[in-house]
Amino acid sequence: MAFNAKGFKTLTHIGTPDVNGAAGTNVALHAYVTNDDTAAVITAGYFNSIATRLKKGDIILMSLDNDGAPMLRNYLVTAIAAGVVTIAAQNVA
């Protein structure tokens, strides 16, 4: 299947202070619910349609399909280059 924006929501932005405690960079926490499996969502280009809403370091909590049973996975946006979004799993079982 393909990415479905109806299942995607930005939950909050999280500030990361610099070494002096001043405002640093912000990352966003997103949630995504899909019937796709892990192989589909890590396919190159899966999130390209929302590349402008994401940035490197953002966290995506996903409810995915695992052979008909729901599962939760955490992903990190590791790169966005020329509109191509790359994510990596942050927990494996």
C-alpha atoms as a PDB file:
ATOM      1  CA  MET A   1       0.000   0.000   0.000  1.00  0.00           C
ATOM      2  CA  ALA A   2       0.993   3.635  -0.076  1.00  0.00           C
ATOM      3  CA  PHE A   3       1.289   6.289   2.607  1.00  0.00           C
ATOM      4  CA  ASN A   4      -2.113   7.617   3.693  1.00  0.00           C
ATOM      5  CA  ALA A   5      -2.026  11.122   5.191  1.00  0.00           C
ATOM      6  CA  LYS A   6      -5.296  10.460   7.054  1.00  0.00           C
ATOM      7  CA  GLY A   7      -3.379   8.186   9.433  1.00  0.00           C
ATOM      8  CA  PHE A   8      -0.612  10.718  10.154  1.00  0.00           C
ATOM      9  CA  LYS A   9      -0.678  13.361  12.884  1.00  0.00           C
ATOM     10  CA  THR A  10       1.921  15.607  14.480  1.00  0.00           C
ATOM     11  CA  LEU A  11       1.460  15.302  18.234  1.00  0.00           C
ATOM     12  CA  THR A  12       3.927  17.852  19.606  1.00  0.00           C
ATOM     13  CA  HIS A  13       7.268  19.562  19.174  1.00  0.00           C
ATOM     14  CA  ILE A  14      10.032  18.821  21.653  1.00  0.00           C
ATOM     15  CA  GLY A  15      12.761  21.360  22.366  1.00  0.00           C
ATOM     16  CA  THR A  16      16.312  20.227  22.861  1.00  0.00           C
ATOM     17  CA  PRO A  17      18.402  22.788  24.776  1.00  0.00           C
ATOM     18  CA  ASP A  18      21.978  23.479  23.753  1.00  0.00           C
ATOM     19  CA  VAL A  19      24.886  22.939  26.168  1.00  0.00           C
ATOM     20  CA  ASN A  20      24.241  26.331  27.816  1.00  0.00           C
ATOM     21  CA  GLY A  21      20.550  25.577  28.413  1.00  0.00           C
ATOM     22  CA  ALA A  22      19.382  27.994  25.726  1.00  0.00           C
ATOM     23  CA  ALA A  23      16.829  27.008  23.116  1.00  0.00           C
ATOM     24  CA  GLY A  24      18.340  24.607  20.651  1.00  0.00           C
ATOM     25  CA  THR A  25      16.757  22.559  17.931  1.00  0.00           C
ATOM     26  CA  ASN A  26      13.239  21.208  17.974  1.00  0.00           C
ATOM     27  CA  VAL A  27      12.114  17.784  16.877  1.00  0.00           C
ATOM     28  CA  ALA A  28       8.546  16.700  16.381  1.00  0.00           C
ATOM     29  CA  LEU A  29       6.743  13.659  17.690  1.00  0.00           C
ATOM     30  CA  HIS A  30       4.368  12.177  15.123  1.00  0.00           C
ATOM     31  CA  ALA A  31       1.905   9.274  15.175  1.00  0.00           C
ATOM     32  CA  TYR A  32       0.989   7.160  12.184  1.00  0.00           C
ATOM     33  CA  VAL A  33      -1.575   4.350  11.952  1.00  0.00           C
ATOM     34  CA  THR A  34      -1.535   2.084   8.921  1.00  0.00           C
ATOM     35  CA  ASN A  35      -2.449  -1.393   7.746  1.00  0.00           C
ATOM     36  CA  ASP A  36       0.918  -1.564   5.984  1.00  0.00           C
ATOM     37  CA  ASP A  37       3.649  -3.786   7.402  1.00  0.00           C
ATOM     38  CA  THR A  38       7.160  -2.822   8.459  1.00  0.00           C
ATOM     39  CA  ALA A  39       8.652  -3.720   5.081  1.00  0.00           C
ATOM     40  CA  ALA A  40       6.316  -1.266   3.358  1.00  0.00           C
ATOM     41  CA  VAL A  41       6.925   1.730   5.626  1.00  0.00           C
ATOM     42  CA  ILE A  42      10.708   1.458   5.498  1.00  0.00           C
ATOM     43  CA  THR A  43      10.658   1.353   1.706  1.00  0.00           C
ATOM     44  CA  ALA A  44      12.510   4.298   0.223  1.00  0.00           C
ATOM     45  CA  GLY A  45      10.093   7.065  -0.631  1.00  0.00           C
ATOM     46  CA  TYR A  46       7.184   5.927   1.559  1.00  0.00           C
ATOM     47  CA  PHE A  47       7.001   9.302   3.378  1.00  0.00           C
ATOM     48  CA  ASN A  48       8.164  11.530   0.504  1.00  0.00           C
ATOM     49  CA  SER A  49       4.731  13.117   0.063  1.00  0.00           C
ATOM     50  CA  ILE A  50       5.107  14.778   3.491  1.00  0.00           C
ATOM     51  CA  ALA A  51       8.831  15.540   3.320  1.00  0.00           C
ATOM     52  CA  THR A  52       8.134  19.217   4.047  1.00  0.00           C
ATOM     53  CA  ARG A  53       6.416  18.273   7.341  1.00  0.00           C
ATOM     54  CA  LEU A  54       9.338  16.191   8.566  1.00  0.00           C
ATOM     55  CA  LYS A  55      12.923  16.871   9.503  1.00  0.00           C
ATOM     56  CA  LYS A  56      15.949  14.859  10.500  1.00  0.00           C
ATOM     57  CA  GLY A  57      15.580  13.718  14.102  1.00  0.00           C
ATOM     58  CA  ASP A  58      11.779  13.617  14.137  1.00  0.00           C
ATOM     59  CA  ILE A  59      10.209  10.633  15.892  1.00  0.00           C
ATOM     60  CA  ILE A  60       7.330   8.655  14.371  1.00  0.00           C
ATOM     61  CA  LEU A  61       5.321   6.253  16.535  1.00  0.00           C
ATOM     62  CA  MET A  62       3.586   3.771  14.234  1.00  0.00           C
ATOM     63  CA  SER A  63       0.789   1.285  14.659  1.00  0.00           C
ATOM     64  CA  LEU A  64       1.445  -1.256  11.896  1.00  0.00           C
ATOM     65  CA  ASP A  65       0.151  -4.567  10.604  1.00  0.00           C
ATOM     66  CA  ASN A  66       2.059  -7.714  11.505  1.00  0.00           C
ATOM     67  CA  ASP A  67       0.336 -10.574   9.680  1.00  0.00           C
ATOM     68  CA  GLY A  68      -3.078  -9.313  10.749  1.00  0.00           C
ATOM     69  CA  ALA A  69      -2.086  -8.345  14.304  1.00  0.00           C
ATOM     70  CA  PRO A  70      -1.381  -4.722  15.226  1.00  0.00           C
ATOM     71  CA  MET A  71       2.104  -3.841  16.410  1.00  0.00           C
ATOM     72  CA  LEU A  72       3.836  -0.678  17.625  1.00  0.00           C
ATOM     73  CA  ARG A  73       7.175   0.500  16.244  1.00  0.00           C
ATOM     74  CA  ASN A  74       9.233   3.644  16.789  1.00  0.00           C
ATOM     75  CA  TYR A  75      11.020   5.202  13.841  1.00  0.00           C
ATOM     76  CA  LEU A  76      13.460   8.071  13.539  1.00  0.00           C
ATOM     77  CA  VAL A  77      13.771  10.293  10.483  1.00  0.00           C
ATOM     78  CA  THR A  78      17.456   9.840   9.668  1.00  0.00           C
ATOM     79  CA  ALA A  79      17.688  11.946   6.516  1.00  0.00           C
ATOM     80  CA  ILE A  80      15.773  14.099   4.077  1.00  0.00           C
ATOM     81  CA  ALA A  81      17.589  14.903   0.865  1.00  0.00           C
ATOM     82  CA  ALA A  82      15.989  16.318  -2.281  1.00  0.00           C
ATOM     83  CA  GLY A  83      12.557  15.406  -0.948  1.00  0.00           C
ATOM     84  CA  VAL A  84      13.486  11.795  -0.199  1.00  0.00           C
ATOM     85  CA  VAL A  85      12.708  10.757   3.396  1.00  0.00           C
ATOM     86  CA  THR A  86      14.725   8.007   5.083  1.00  0.00           C
ATOM     87  CA  ILE A  87      13.620   6.440   8.368  1.00  0.00           C
ATOM     88  CA  ALA A  88      15.158   3.797  10.633  1.00  0.00           C
ATOM     89  CA  ALA A  89      13.542   1.527  13.212  1.00  0.00           C
ATOM     90  CA  GLN A  90      14.474   2.326  16.787  1.00  0.00           C
ATOM     91  CA  ASN A  91      13.169  -0.856  18.377  1.00  0.00           C
ATOM     92  CA  VAL A  92      13.225  -4.399  17.101  1.00  0.00           C
ATOM     93  CA  ALA A  93      11.737  -7.560  18.521  1.00  0.00           C
END
